[in-house]
Structure formats: structure tokens, C-alpha cells
Amino acid sequence: MAVKRKYTGDCLDQYVCSANEVIKLKFVRNPEDIEDDKNSFPPEYTHQFFGDSENIFGYIGLQVNFLYSACRLLPLFQMSYREKVKSAHTGGVEADDVYKIVTDKLEMEISQDLDALTNALPKESNFRPFGELLSSFSVENDEKEEFYKIYRADNETPGFLDYHQRMQTLVLWLIDAASYIDEEDEKWDFFVLHQHCKDGDDECYPFVGYATVYRYYAYPCKLRPRISQMLVLPQYQKQGLGTRLLEAINNCYIKDSDVIDITVEDPSEEFVRIRDVIDSKNCQTLPAFSKENLLKGFSKAMTEAAKDNFKINKKQARRVYEILRLKNTNLDDKNEYKAYRLAVKNRLNIPFQREKLDMEKLQKTLTPDELKAAVDPIPREQRIEQLEHMYTELEEKYKHVIDRLNELELGK
């Protein structure tokens, strides 16, 4: 792990650069791609490598390239600079050993032999995805039809773990606070998304993204799969591919009678939005989520229907209800809109009500002085303001989901 240091003075400041700006990732299919920077992209995060400052010390004009062969994910490290700091001018402080810092964190030796990668690229077309094919589909991208396939693998799939070791190096650059999983644990399932490209008789399968799911045990003899990580490479985003990947995961477990429901571990905001769209799209086909029932309020029938048909847990079913009720609420009808806002705010207010009950219990057991020292109650006006802010923020997120649902209904 890089040691956090502070450098002062113009002389040393010129040797400090932002890791996010000087590092580039790139996927290459043929030798021509190696020198073509149009498909390169910066990492989202570098703090796991270079500390909270995300800075690299010791170089002027630093450029670091991580190349991966598009299908097999064979990695290559390239580094260049105009000048490197001399330790005699820094009181003995050496320039950061970028290669060592990165490879230690990635837990993998990375080739620096450009010729070796160049010579290996013609064999990319020999690669075939690992595991069981779950789905095939196409999307329109700039008026061009592109084809994709999703596969499911586990640690018993021949050859897959070696591939996963290269694949998982990407999460440290692209997912905040990501960490490696224990891939030897047989309870892990892997869902991998590949593009399917054809050029005459040749075809290849560039890596696009993947997700990991852990099959947690649920008493007495059931399973509760939890989606741990999901990644779609930046150059493939904004095409609905994350939605397709999550749908494939859901469909896989929905058909399993041993699965109670599907959960998610620390989802990002973008993942939450994708999940909301999928679950809302599915649930609006159920009679329990009809407009008539939605306007009556959240019900046990909704919880059971969402769970039985789509393995959606109660918390997510409630969220889906709120989204679909807003979709079916006439916002120009003051009474109807007010009833919706109250229904959501009553749910948001539950933690405040619990705090109130806890305070009432304290009042029965503590003296006034002890009570004052033990709690610091939020004034009622402040709570109302907090509640209104929470509601407004939530409604805005729901409206984005509804906009996407409307687009899907129009076939977009």
C-alpha cells in the first residue's frame, strides 16, 4: 500500500500527478488497437492503490496504460515519463514504484512485454466464453445492431477461475470500495456478459461485464441469493446492458423453487435505478399491483405476489408499490396526490416514531437530568423539514424510474 506523504514547494509539486488523470485502461482486439486511444478510458477510482489523495509522486509527464486483450483479458502494463525525481533532491524519498504498487494490490504479475501481447492477439478469436449460455440478445447502437450473450459459471467450470482472476482486477478500478471475493467458495455464482462479433467465418467474444452472486443459506432448507458486485465496462454503458444482465440473474433464480428472494449488497444509485425499473416493470403485470389496488395502499397481497412471482423481498416490494402508485396517481388531483405523499411520508417517518417510543421508555426509567444527558431530541420542526427533504429526493428518483417505464412501454 502506498504511504501517504505531503510534498511542499514548487520543486516537489511538479513531481505530483493525479492517478486518475495519468492512468488509462484499454481493451484491444488487434495490433492496430494498441496505438489507438479513442477507446481508452480513465479509472473511476485509484484510492485503493495510491491512498486518499489518489496522487502519484516522482514523475513529470507520467503516462500509465493498462491494456487487456478484449476477449481473453491478457493484461499489459505500460509506463512512460519525461523525468523522474532524484532521491538526492528529496531527502532520500524515492519515486512511487507504480508497477509494484499496482501489482501488489491486484495480487497478480502483469506482463510488460508489448511484443508478447501483440503476438497473442490473433488468437483472441479462439476464445469461447465459459459456462452455461443463459440468454442472447441484440441492441441498436448508432443505427448498428450489436449482439450479446450472457453466461453463468461457478468455480467448478473448467478454466473459469483463471479467467476470473484477470476479470476481477477491473473492479478495483471501476467500483468504489470493491474487494476480491473468495472464489474458492462454492456458493459463488458468476454471470458474464460478452459481445458476440462476427467477421465472415471468424467470430470473437469481447468481455463486456459481469456480476457475482452469493447463494446464502436460508433456514430451514432454502436459499437467498445476494448480488455482490456488478460491472459493465464504461464503453458499453448507457445501452441497457446492465438491465439485461440483471434480468438474466433474476430469471435464473426466479425459476429455482429453493430460492426465497433475491437481495443486493450495498447497491450503487445506478444499480438501484436499474433494479427499480426491472421490478416495477414485472410487478405492474400482476393483479395485486393494479391501479385500483395501488390507490388503496400497500398490502400483504402485494408482498406475496412480488415474492411468489419474482422473488422480490418485502422491502423492495414496498418500494415498487410506491413507484407504481406514483405512476398511477393524477398529480393534478390535489387530494389524490396528497394521499400519495402521506402514504410515503408515513413510511419514511417510521424511524422517527421509533425514536419517540424509545424516548418515552427512557422517560419512565431516568431522572430529568439523566434523560437530558442521554438523549438529544430533534425539534419537531426540524424533523418535518427532514421528512419533506427525504420525500422530495425520493420522488425525484421515482420519476426517473417512471420515465424509463414509459419509454419501455413505447418500445424504446
Protein backbone atom coordinates (compact mmCIF):
# COMPACT_ATOMS: atom_id res chain seq x y z
CA MET A 1 0.00 0.00 0.00
CA ALA A 2 1.30 3.45 -0.90
CA VAL A 3 2.42 5.60 2.03
CA LYS A 4 0.61 8.92 2.22
CA ARG A 5 3.10 11.80 2.07
CA LYS A 6 2.86 15.55 1.87
CA TYR A 7 5.11 17.44 -0.52
CA THR A 8 5.59 21.18 -0.40
CA GLY A 9 7.36 23.69 -2.58
CA ASP A 10 7.25 24.18 -6.32
CA CYS A 11 10.23 21.92 -6.86
CA LEU A 12 8.47 18.84 -5.49
CA ASP A 13 4.92 19.77 -6.51
CA GLN A 14 5.81 19.37 -10.16
CA TYR A 15 6.51 15.69 -9.47
CA VAL A 16 3.00 15.04 -8.08
CA CYS A 17 0.27 13.97 -10.52
CA SER A 18 -3.30 12.72 -10.28
CA ALA A 19 -3.50 8.95 -10.77
CA ASN A 20 -7.00 9.36 -12.25
CA GLU A 21 -5.58 11.61 -14.98
CA VAL A 22 -2.43 9.73 -15.96
CA ILE A 23 -3.76 6.14 -15.88
CA LYS A 24 -5.72 4.80 -18.86
CA LEU A 25 -7.37 1.42 -19.41
CA LYS A 26 -7.88 -0.01 -22.87
CA PHE A 27 -9.21 -3.21 -24.46
CA VAL A 28 -7.61 -4.32 -27.73
CA ARG A 29 -8.64 -6.91 -30.32
CA ASN A 30 -5.84 -6.46 -32.87
CA PRO A 31 -2.40 -4.80 -33.03
CA GLU A 32 -3.85 -1.62 -34.57
CA ASP A 33 -5.90 -1.02 -31.40
CA ILE A 34 -2.77 -0.74 -29.26
CA GLU A 35 -1.87 2.72 -30.59
CA ASP A 36 -5.50 3.87 -30.96
CA ASP A 37 -6.52 5.84 -27.88
CA LYS A 38 -10.13 6.54 -28.86
CA ASN A 39 -11.38 3.57 -26.81
CA SER A 40 -9.20 4.18 -23.74
CA PHE A 41 -10.77 5.42 -20.53
CA PRO A 42 -9.60 6.51 -17.07
CA PRO A 43 -10.29 4.53 -13.90
CA GLU A 44 -13.17 5.66 -11.72
CA TYR A 45 -11.19 5.15 -8.51
CA THR A 46 -7.49 4.90 -7.62
CA HIS A 47 -7.57 5.41 -3.84
CA GLN A 48 -7.13 1.70 -3.17
CA PHE A 49 -3.76 1.92 -4.92
CA PHE A 50 -2.46 5.42 -4.16
CA GLY A 51 -4.25 6.50 -0.97
CA ASP A 52 -6.99 9.05 -0.37
CA SER A 53 -5.15 11.75 -2.31
CA GLU A 54 -5.11 9.50 -5.41
CA ASN A 55 -1.76 11.03 -6.31
CA ILE A 56 1.43 9.51 -7.70
CA PHE A 57 4.76 11.06 -6.71
CA GLY A 58 8.04 11.16 -8.53
CA TYR A 59 7.40 11.83 -12.21
CA ILE A 60 6.88 14.59 -14.77
CA GLY A 61 4.87 13.72 -17.87
CA LEU A 62 3.80 10.35 -16.46
CA GLN A 63 1.55 8.11 -18.55
CA VAL A 64 0.41 4.66 -17.40
CA ASN A 65 -1.53 2.33 -19.70
CA PHE A 66 -3.24 -0.92 -18.73
CA LEU A 67 -4.10 -2.91 -21.80
CA TYR A 68 -6.27 -6.02 -21.84
CA SER A 69 -6.86 -8.29 -24.79
CA ALA A 70 -10.57 -7.86 -25.44
CA CYS A 71 -11.61 -11.50 -25.14
CA ARG A 72 -9.07 -13.39 -23.02
CA LEU A 73 -8.24 -10.37 -20.83
CA LEU A 74 -4.48 -10.86 -21.11
CA PRO A 75 -3.06 -7.80 -19.27
CA LEU A 76 -0.18 -5.50 -20.22
CA PHE A 77 1.43 -2.68 -18.19
CA GLN A 78 3.00 0.30 -19.98
CA MET A 79 4.60 3.30 -18.30
CA SER A 80 6.45 6.32 -19.66
CA TYR A 81 7.58 9.72 -18.33
CA ARG A 82 9.78 12.68 -19.26
CA GLU A 83 11.59 12.93 -15.95
CA LYS A 84 11.90 11.01 -12.70
CA VAL A 85 12.72 12.66 -9.39
CA LYS A 86 16.17 12.03 -7.89
CA SER A 87 16.10 10.88 -4.27
CA ALA A 88 19.12 13.11 -3.56
CA HIS A 89 16.83 16.11 -4.07
CA THR A 90 14.06 14.81 -1.80
CA GLY A 91 15.91 13.87 1.35
CA GLY A 92 16.03 10.23 0.28
CA VAL A 93 12.38 9.88 -0.68
CA GLU A 94 12.04 7.67 -3.76
CA ALA A 95 9.52 7.99 -6.57
CA ASP A 96 6.50 5.73 -6.23
CA ASP A 97 7.09 2.30 -7.72
CA VAL A 98 3.87 2.34 -9.72
CA TYR A 99 4.22 -1.16 -11.13
CA LYS A 100 4.83 -2.73 -7.71
CA ILE A 101 2.05 -0.75 -6.02
CA VAL A 102 -0.47 -1.83 -8.64
CA THR A 103 0.56 -5.46 -8.99
CA ASP A 104 0.71 -5.94 -5.21
CA LYS A 105 -2.85 -4.66 -4.90
CA LEU A 106 -4.10 -6.63 -7.89
CA GLU A 107 -2.33 -9.72 -6.49
CA MET A 108 -1.14 -10.60 -9.98
CA GLU A 109 2.01 -10.23 -12.05
CA ILE A 110 1.30 -8.19 -15.18
CA SER A 111 3.32 -8.53 -18.36
CA GLN A 112 5.30 -5.55 -19.64
CA ASP A 113 6.16 -7.29 -22.90
CA LEU A 114 4.34 -5.46 -25.70
CA ASP A 115 5.57 -7.90 -28.35
CA ALA A 116 4.13 -10.84 -26.41
CA LEU A 117 0.67 -9.24 -26.32
CA THR A 118 0.87 -8.23 -29.97
CA ASN A 119 1.73 -11.79 -30.98
CA ALA A 120 -1.07 -13.20 -28.82
CA LEU A 121 -3.88 -11.05 -30.27
CA PRO A 122 -4.51 -13.20 -33.37
CA LYS A 123 -5.58 -15.99 -31.00
CA GLU A 124 -8.38 -13.89 -29.49
CA SER A 125 -10.83 -15.42 -31.97
CA ASN A 126 -10.11 -18.85 -30.44
CA PHE A 127 -11.61 -17.77 -27.13
CA ARG A 128 -15.03 -19.10 -26.16
CA PRO A 129 -16.96 -17.95 -23.06
CA PHE A 130 -17.06 -20.18 -20.01
CA GLY A 131 -20.15 -21.76 -18.52
CA GLU A 132 -23.79 -22.14 -19.47
CA LEU A 133 -25.40 -19.82 -22.01
CA LEU A 134 -28.37 -18.07 -20.36
CA SER A 135 -29.50 -15.58 -22.98
CA SER A 136 -28.71 -14.00 -26.34
CA PHE A 137 -29.96 -10.62 -27.50
CA SER A 138 -29.19 -7.66 -29.71
CA VAL A 139 -29.30 -3.88 -29.22
CA GLU A 140 -29.26 -0.94 -31.60
CA ASN A 141 -26.19 1.26 -31.15
CA ASP A 142 -25.81 4.22 -33.54
CA GLU A 143 -28.10 2.51 -36.03
CA LYS A 144 -25.95 -0.62 -35.89
CA GLU A 145 -27.18 -3.92 -34.48
CA GLU A 146 -24.86 -5.45 -31.89
CA PHE A 147 -25.17 -8.95 -30.43
CA TYR A 148 -24.54 -10.08 -26.86
CA LYS A 149 -24.61 -13.28 -24.80
CA ILE A 150 -24.79 -13.88 -21.04
CA TYR A 151 -23.21 -16.96 -19.43
CA ARG A 152 -23.39 -18.45 -15.95
CA ALA A 153 -20.33 -20.14 -14.41
CA ASP A 154 -19.10 -21.30 -10.99
CA ASN A 155 -15.80 -22.39 -9.54
CA GLU A 156 -16.31 -25.88 -10.94
CA THR A 157 -16.46 -24.58 -14.52
CA PRO A 158 -13.23 -25.78 -16.20
CA GLY A 159 -10.77 -22.93 -16.75
CA PHE A 160 -13.05 -20.23 -15.40
CA LEU A 161 -11.19 -19.36 -12.19
CA ASP A 162 -8.06 -18.39 -14.11
CA TYR A 163 -10.22 -16.13 -16.27
CA HIS A 164 -11.96 -14.69 -13.21
CA GLN A 165 -8.62 -13.75 -11.65
CA ARG A 166 -7.96 -11.46 -14.60
CA MET A 167 -11.57 -10.29 -14.78
CA GLN A 168 -11.78 -9.24 -11.13
CA THR A 169 -8.78 -6.89 -11.43
CA LEU A 170 -11.16 -4.44 -13.10
CA VAL A 171 -13.42 -3.96 -10.09
CA LEU A 172 -10.71 -2.21 -8.06
CA TRP A 173 -10.50 0.49 -10.75
CA LEU A 174 -14.22 0.80 -11.52
CA ILE A 175 -16.24 0.04 -8.35
CA ASP A 176 -15.87 2.13 -5.20
CA ALA A 177 -14.65 0.18 -2.15
CA ALA A 178 -14.62 -3.06 -4.16
CA SER A 179 -12.67 -6.05 -2.92
CA TYR A 180 -11.84 -9.51 -4.17
CA ILE A 181 -14.13 -12.38 -3.26
CA ASP A 182 -13.17 -15.84 -2.04
CA GLU A 183 -13.60 -17.51 -5.41
CA GLU A 184 -12.85 -20.92 -3.89
CA ASP A 185 -16.18 -20.75 -2.03
CA GLU A 186 -18.56 -23.00 -3.97
CA LYS A 187 -21.54 -20.78 -3.12
CA TRP A 188 -20.49 -18.11 -5.63
CA ASP A 189 -22.23 -17.84 -8.99
CA PHE A 190 -20.74 -15.74 -11.82
CA PHE A 191 -22.70 -14.12 -14.64
CA VAL A 192 -20.55 -12.89 -17.52
CA LEU A 193 -21.66 -10.67 -20.41
CA HIS A 194 -19.86 -10.92 -23.76
CA GLN A 195 -20.35 -9.18 -27.06
CA HIS A 196 -20.63 -11.59 -29.98
CA CYS A 197 -18.81 -10.25 -33.06
CA LYS A 198 -18.63 -11.87 -36.48
CA ASP A 199 -16.32 -11.09 -39.37
CA GLY A 200 -17.03 -13.59 -42.13
CA ASP A 201 -16.29 -17.03 -40.72
CA ASP A 202 -14.37 -15.54 -37.78
CA GLU A 203 -16.13 -14.69 -34.53
CA CYS A 204 -14.97 -13.39 -31.19
CA TYR A 205 -16.42 -12.70 -27.76
CA PRO A 206 -15.10 -9.46 -26.21
CA PHE A 207 -15.64 -9.14 -22.46
CA VAL A 208 -18.34 -6.57 -21.57
CA GLY A 209 -19.15 -7.03 -17.89
CA TYR A 210 -20.02 -9.44 -15.11
CA ALA A 211 -21.78 -9.91 -11.79
CA THR A 212 -21.15 -12.08 -8.75
CA VAL A 213 -23.93 -13.62 -6.65
CA TYR A 214 -23.56 -15.44 -3.34
CA ARG A 215 -26.09 -18.15 -2.52
CA TYR A 216 -26.77 -17.57 1.17
CA TYR A 217 -28.41 -20.32 3.18
CA ALA A 218 -31.93 -19.58 4.45
CA TYR A 219 -33.47 -21.72 7.20
CA PRO A 220 -34.54 -24.46 7.01
CA CYS A 221 -33.50 -25.59 3.51
CA LYS A 222 -33.81 -22.59 1.20
CA LEU A 223 -31.51 -20.09 -0.49
CA ARG A 224 -31.34 -16.31 -0.51
CA PRO A 225 -29.02 -15.21 -3.37
CA ARG A 226 -27.31 -11.86 -2.80
CA ILE A 227 -25.92 -9.87 -5.71
CA SER A 228 -22.48 -8.72 -4.59
CA GLN A 229 -20.87 -6.84 -7.49
CA MET A 230 -21.98 -5.87 -10.97
CA LEU A 231 -19.79 -4.22 -13.57
CA VAL A 232 -20.31 -3.08 -17.15
CA LEU A 233 -17.28 -1.56 -18.86
CA PRO A 234 -17.61 2.21 -19.45
CA GLN A 235 -17.54 1.94 -23.26
CA TYR A 236 -20.60 -0.34 -23.14
CA GLN A 237 -22.69 1.69 -20.70
CA LYS A 238 -25.88 3.64 -21.49
CA GLN A 239 -27.11 0.87 -23.81
CA GLY A 240 -29.32 -1.04 -21.37
CA LEU A 241 -26.77 -3.84 -20.95
CA GLY A 242 -26.75 -3.60 -17.15
CA THR A 243 -30.51 -4.09 -17.23
CA ARG A 244 -30.13 -7.15 -19.45
CA LEU A 245 -27.53 -8.62 -17.11
CA LEU A 246 -29.67 -8.09 -14.02
CA GLU A 247 -32.72 -9.54 -15.79
CA ALA A 248 -30.73 -12.65 -16.65
CA ILE A 249 -29.71 -13.04 -13.00
CA ASN A 250 -33.29 -12.59 -11.81
CA ASN A 251 -34.67 -15.04 -14.36
CA CYS A 252 -32.10 -17.62 -13.32
CA TYR A 253 -33.16 -17.59 -9.67
CA ILE A 254 -36.88 -16.93 -10.19
CA LYS A 255 -37.14 -20.41 -11.72
CA ASP A 256 -35.44 -22.00 -8.70
CA SER A 257 -38.00 -23.27 -6.18
CA ASP A 258 -35.33 -23.29 -3.45
CA VAL A 259 -34.87 -19.50 -3.67
CA ILE A 260 -36.86 -17.35 -1.23
CA ASP A 261 -35.92 -13.95 -2.60
CA ILE A 262 -33.05 -12.06 -4.24
CA THR A 263 -31.16 -9.40 -2.28
CA VAL A 264 -28.39 -6.91 -3.07
CA GLU A 265 -25.26 -5.94 -1.14
CA ASP A 266 -24.54 -2.19 -0.88
CA PRO A 267 -26.00 -1.23 -4.27
CA SER A 268 -24.91 1.92 -6.08
CA GLU A 269 -27.51 4.50 -7.06
CA GLU A 270 -27.33 3.38 -10.68
CA PHE A 271 -27.87 -0.24 -9.68
CA VAL A 272 -30.86 0.75 -7.53
CA ARG A 273 -32.38 2.55 -10.51
CA ILE A 274 -31.91 -0.47 -12.79
CA ARG A 275 -33.38 -2.79 -10.19
CA ASP A 276 -36.36 -0.48 -9.64
CA VAL A 277 -37.09 -0.42 -13.37
CA ILE A 278 -36.97 -4.21 -13.71
CA ASP A 279 -39.01 -4.96 -10.59
CA SER A 280 -41.60 -2.27 -11.38
CA LYS A 281 -41.92 -3.46 -14.98
CA ASN A 282 -42.53 -7.02 -13.73
CA CYS A 283 -44.89 -6.19 -10.89
CA GLN A 284 -47.16 -3.93 -12.91
CA THR A 285 -48.24 -7.08 -14.76
CA LEU A 286 -49.63 -8.56 -11.52
CA PRO A 287 -53.30 -8.07 -10.47
CA ALA A 288 -52.17 -7.17 -6.94
CA PHE A 289 -50.47 -4.08 -8.39
CA SER A 290 -53.43 -2.89 -10.46
CA LYS A 291 -54.24 0.82 -10.33
CA GLU A 292 -57.29 0.13 -8.18
CA ASN A 293 -55.25 -1.79 -5.62
CA LEU A 294 -52.34 0.65 -5.69
CA LEU A 295 -54.59 3.56 -4.75
CA LYS A 296 -55.86 1.59 -1.75
CA GLY A 297 -52.39 1.37 -0.23
CA PHE A 298 -49.65 -1.18 0.29
CA SER A 299 -50.98 -4.64 1.11
CA LYS A 300 -49.93 -8.13 2.13
CA ALA A 301 -51.20 -9.35 -1.25
CA MET A 302 -48.58 -7.16 -2.96
CA THR A 303 -45.80 -8.56 -0.80
CA GLU A 304 -46.83 -12.13 -1.51
CA ALA A 305 -47.37 -11.60 -5.24
CA ALA A 306 -43.97 -9.92 -5.67
CA LYS A 307 -42.24 -12.67 -3.71
CA ASP A 308 -44.04 -15.61 -5.33
CA ASN A 309 -43.69 -14.40 -8.91
CA PHE A 310 -40.39 -12.52 -8.97
CA LYS A 311 -38.53 -13.37 -5.71
CA ILE A 312 -38.76 -9.73 -4.56
CA ASN A 313 -38.41 -9.18 -0.81
CA LYS A 314 -40.88 -7.15 1.24
CA LYS A 315 -38.75 -4.00 1.44
CA GLN A 316 -38.29 -3.86 -2.33
CA ALA A 317 -41.96 -4.73 -2.90
CA ARG A 318 -42.90 -1.67 -0.84
CA ARG A 319 -40.60 0.48 -2.96
CA VAL A 320 -42.12 -0.91 -6.15
CA TYR A 321 -45.59 -0.16 -4.80
CA GLU A 322 -44.59 3.47 -4.19
CA ILE A 323 -43.16 3.80 -7.69
CA LEU A 324 -46.19 2.27 -9.39
CA ARG A 325 -48.64 4.19 -7.24
CA LEU A 326 -46.93 7.45 -8.22
CA LYS A 327 -47.09 6.33 -11.86
CA ASN A 328 -50.85 5.83 -11.48
CA THR A 329 -51.51 8.95 -9.42
CA ASN A 330 -53.09 12.00 -11.04
CA LEU A 331 -50.72 14.72 -9.87
CA ASP A 332 -53.26 17.38 -10.89
CA ASP A 333 -55.76 15.91 -8.43
CA LYS A 334 -54.79 17.60 -5.14
CA ASN A 335 -56.50 15.02 -2.93
CA GLU A 336 -55.09 12.03 -4.80
CA TYR A 337 -51.58 13.47 -4.83
CA LYS A 338 -51.81 14.41 -1.15
CA ALA A 339 -52.90 10.87 -0.25
CA TYR A 340 -49.84 9.51 -2.07
CA ARG A 341 -47.44 11.88 -0.33
CA LEU A 342 -48.86 10.99 3.07
CA ALA A 343 -48.54 7.26 2.37
CA VAL A 344 -44.85 7.63 1.54
CA LYS A 345 -44.12 10.07 4.36
CA ASN A 346 -45.77 7.76 6.89
CA ARG A 347 -43.33 5.05 5.84
CA LEU A 348 -40.36 7.45 5.97
CA ASN A 349 -41.46 8.62 9.40
CA ILE A 350 -41.29 5.16 10.99
CA PRO A 351 -37.69 5.61 12.30
CA PHE A 352 -38.71 8.92 13.92
CA GLN A 353 -41.68 7.22 15.58
CA ARG A 354 -39.42 4.50 16.93
CA GLU A 355 -37.13 7.14 18.40
CA LYS A 356 -40.16 8.72 20.04
CA LEU A 357 -41.18 5.41 21.60
CA ASP A 358 -37.63 4.82 22.85
CA MET A 359 -37.65 8.26 24.44
CA GLU A 360 -40.95 7.56 26.16
CA LYS A 361 -39.46 4.40 27.63
CA LEU A 362 -36.43 6.36 28.86
CA GLN A 363 -38.66 8.94 30.49
CA LYS A 364 -40.12 6.19 32.68
CA THR A 365 -36.76 4.96 33.92
CA LEU A 366 -34.49 8.03 34.12
CA THR A 367 -34.49 11.23 36.12
CA PRO A 368 -34.92 14.50 34.15
CA ASP A 369 -31.18 15.22 34.38
CA GLU A 370 -30.28 11.71 33.26
CA LEU A 371 -32.76 11.92 30.39
CA LYS A 372 -31.32 15.22 29.20
CA ALA A 373 -27.81 13.76 29.22
CA ALA A 374 -28.87 10.55 27.49
CA VAL A 375 -30.77 11.96 24.50
CA ASP A 376 -30.67 14.98 22.28
CA PRO A 377 -34.13 15.05 20.67
CA ILE A 378 -34.51 16.67 17.25
CA PRO A 379 -37.03 19.54 17.33
CA ARG A 380 -40.35 18.74 15.66
CA GLU A 381 -39.93 21.49 13.07
CA GLN A 382 -36.55 20.09 12.07
CA ARG A 383 -37.98 16.60 11.73
CA ILE A 384 -40.74 17.86 9.47
CA GLU A 385 -38.15 19.63 7.33
CA GLN A 386 -36.01 16.49 7.16
CA LEU A 387 -39.03 14.40 6.21
CA GLU A 388 -40.00 16.80 3.42
CA HIS A 389 -36.44 16.75 2.05
CA MET A 390 -36.35 12.93 2.13
CA TYR A 391 -39.67 12.73 0.34
CA THR A 392 -38.74 15.25 -2.38
CA GLU A 393 -35.48 13.47 -3.09
CA LEU A 394 -37.23 10.08 -3.25
CA GLU A 395 -40.00 11.30 -5.55
CA GLU A 396 -37.41 12.65 -7.98
CA LYS A 397 -35.74 9.23 -8.14
CA TYR A 398 -39.10 7.53 -8.63
CA LYS A 399 -39.92 9.85 -11.53
CA HIS A 400 -36.73 8.83 -13.32
CA VAL A 401 -37.82 5.19 -12.99
CA ILE A 402 -41.29 6.04 -14.26
CA ASP A 403 -39.83 7.87 -17.26
CA ARG A 404 -37.91 4.73 -18.15
CA LEU A 405 -41.01 2.55 -17.69
CA ASN A 406 -42.90 4.83 -20.06
CA GLU A 407 -40.10 4.54 -22.61
CA LEU A 408 -40.22 0.74 -22.39
CA GLU A 409 -43.98 0.79 -22.93
CA LEU A 410 -43.38 2.79 -26.10
CA GLY A 411 -40.82 0.24 -27.26
CA LYS A 412 -37.79 2.49 -26.82
